Protein backbone atom coordinates (compact mmCIF):
# COMPACT_ATOMS: atom_id res chain seq x y z
CA UNK A 1 93.76 63.72 11.64
CA UNK A 2 92.38 60.84 9.53
CA UNK A 3 90.17 58.18 11.06
CA UNK A 4 92.21 55.10 11.86
CA UNK A 5 90.47 51.73 11.73
CA UNK A 6 92.48 48.75 12.90
CA UNK A 7 91.59 45.12 12.21
CA UNK A 8 92.56 43.72 15.60
CA UNK A 9 89.70 42.06 17.51
CA UNK A 10 89.98 44.52 20.40
CA UNK A 11 89.50 47.43 18.00
CA UNK A 12 86.40 45.78 16.54
CA UNK A 13 85.12 45.14 20.07
CA UNK A 14 85.73 48.81 20.94
CA UNK A 15 83.64 49.94 17.96
CA UNK A 16 80.86 47.48 18.87
CA UNK A 17 80.76 48.56 22.52
CA UNK A 18 80.92 52.17 21.38
CA UNK A 19 77.74 51.69 19.38
CA UNK A 20 76.02 49.80 22.20
CA UNK A 21 76.98 52.35 24.87
CA UNK A 22 75.97 55.15 22.55
CA UNK A 23 72.41 53.82 22.58
CA UNK A 24 72.29 53.52 26.38
CA UNK A 25 70.36 56.79 26.78
CA UNK A 26 67.72 56.02 24.18
CA UNK A 27 65.42 53.91 26.41
CA UNK A 28 65.08 56.98 28.65
CA UNK A 29 64.18 59.10 25.63
CA UNK A 30 61.53 56.54 24.67
CA UNK A 31 60.03 56.72 28.17
CA UNK A 32 60.07 60.54 28.12
CA UNK A 33 58.36 60.68 24.74
CA UNK A 34 55.75 58.02 25.51
CA UNK A 35 54.93 59.47 28.92
CA UNK A 36 55.11 63.05 27.68
CA UNK A 37 57.05 64.09 30.75
CA UNK A 38 60.66 64.69 31.71
CA UNK A 39 59.83 65.50 35.34
CA UNK A 40 61.72 62.58 36.84
CA UNK A 41 64.83 63.20 34.74
CA UNK A 42 67.86 64.85 36.28
CA UNK A 43 68.72 67.82 34.08
CA UNK A 44 72.16 68.03 35.71
CA UNK A 45 72.94 64.44 34.71
CA UNK A 46 72.11 65.05 31.07
CA UNK A 47 74.00 68.37 31.02
CA UNK A 48 77.09 66.57 32.35
CA UNK A 49 76.67 63.79 29.76
CA UNK A 50 76.31 66.41 27.00
CA UNK A 51 79.41 68.37 28.00
CA UNK A 52 81.44 65.22 28.61
CA UNK A 53 80.46 63.79 25.24
CA UNK A 54 81.43 67.01 23.46
CA UNK A 55 84.90 66.79 25.01
CA UNK A 56 85.24 63.11 24.07
CA UNK A 57 84.06 63.81 20.52
CA UNK A 58 86.62 66.59 20.18
CA UNK A 59 89.34 64.27 21.46
CA UNK A 60 88.25 61.41 19.19
CA UNK A 61 88.34 63.70 16.15
CA UNK A 62 91.77 64.97 17.19
CA UNK A 63 93.07 61.38 17.54
CA UNK A 64 91.04 59.83 14.70
CA UNK A 65 89.34 57.34 17.02
CA UNK A 66 86.09 56.15 15.46
CA UNK A 67 85.38 53.85 18.42
CA UNK A 68 85.18 56.90 20.67
CA UNK A 69 83.43 59.17 18.15
CA UNK A 70 80.42 56.88 17.70
CA UNK A 71 79.18 56.90 21.31
CA UNK A 72 80.05 60.57 21.65
CA UNK A 73 77.83 61.57 18.73
CA UNK A 74 75.00 59.30 19.89
CA UNK A 75 75.22 60.61 23.47
CA UNK A 76 75.36 64.24 22.34
CA UNK A 77 72.18 63.75 20.33
CA UNK A 78 70.39 61.82 23.09
CA UNK A 79 71.30 64.21 25.89
CA UNK A 80 70.41 67.23 23.75
CA UNK A 81 66.99 65.72 23.02
CA UNK A 82 66.36 65.16 26.74
CA UNK A 83 67.48 68.69 27.64
CA UNK A 84 65.36 70.29 24.92
CA UNK A 85 62.37 68.15 25.91
CA UNK A 86 62.86 69.14 29.56
CA UNK A 87 62.48 72.83 28.70
CA UNK A 88 59.82 72.62 26.01
CA UNK A 89 57.28 70.11 27.31
């Protein structure tokens, strides 16, 4: 299904909040990288975020919803980084 971009203000707001919420996990990544430790991070939380974001990304692709795809991609990347860091450092 093609990506549908509407010009209504609520659609623009949805894209903006999608970008903002997609970056919500990145401060935690910064702390993990600068401290060199993921000890205090809940692996379960990030696994749930990863799986949930994969489902939302699949749905957003199916429906052509860019406002939902943006935070999904950002959250998939962020949660995957945290999970990988948890097991490798």
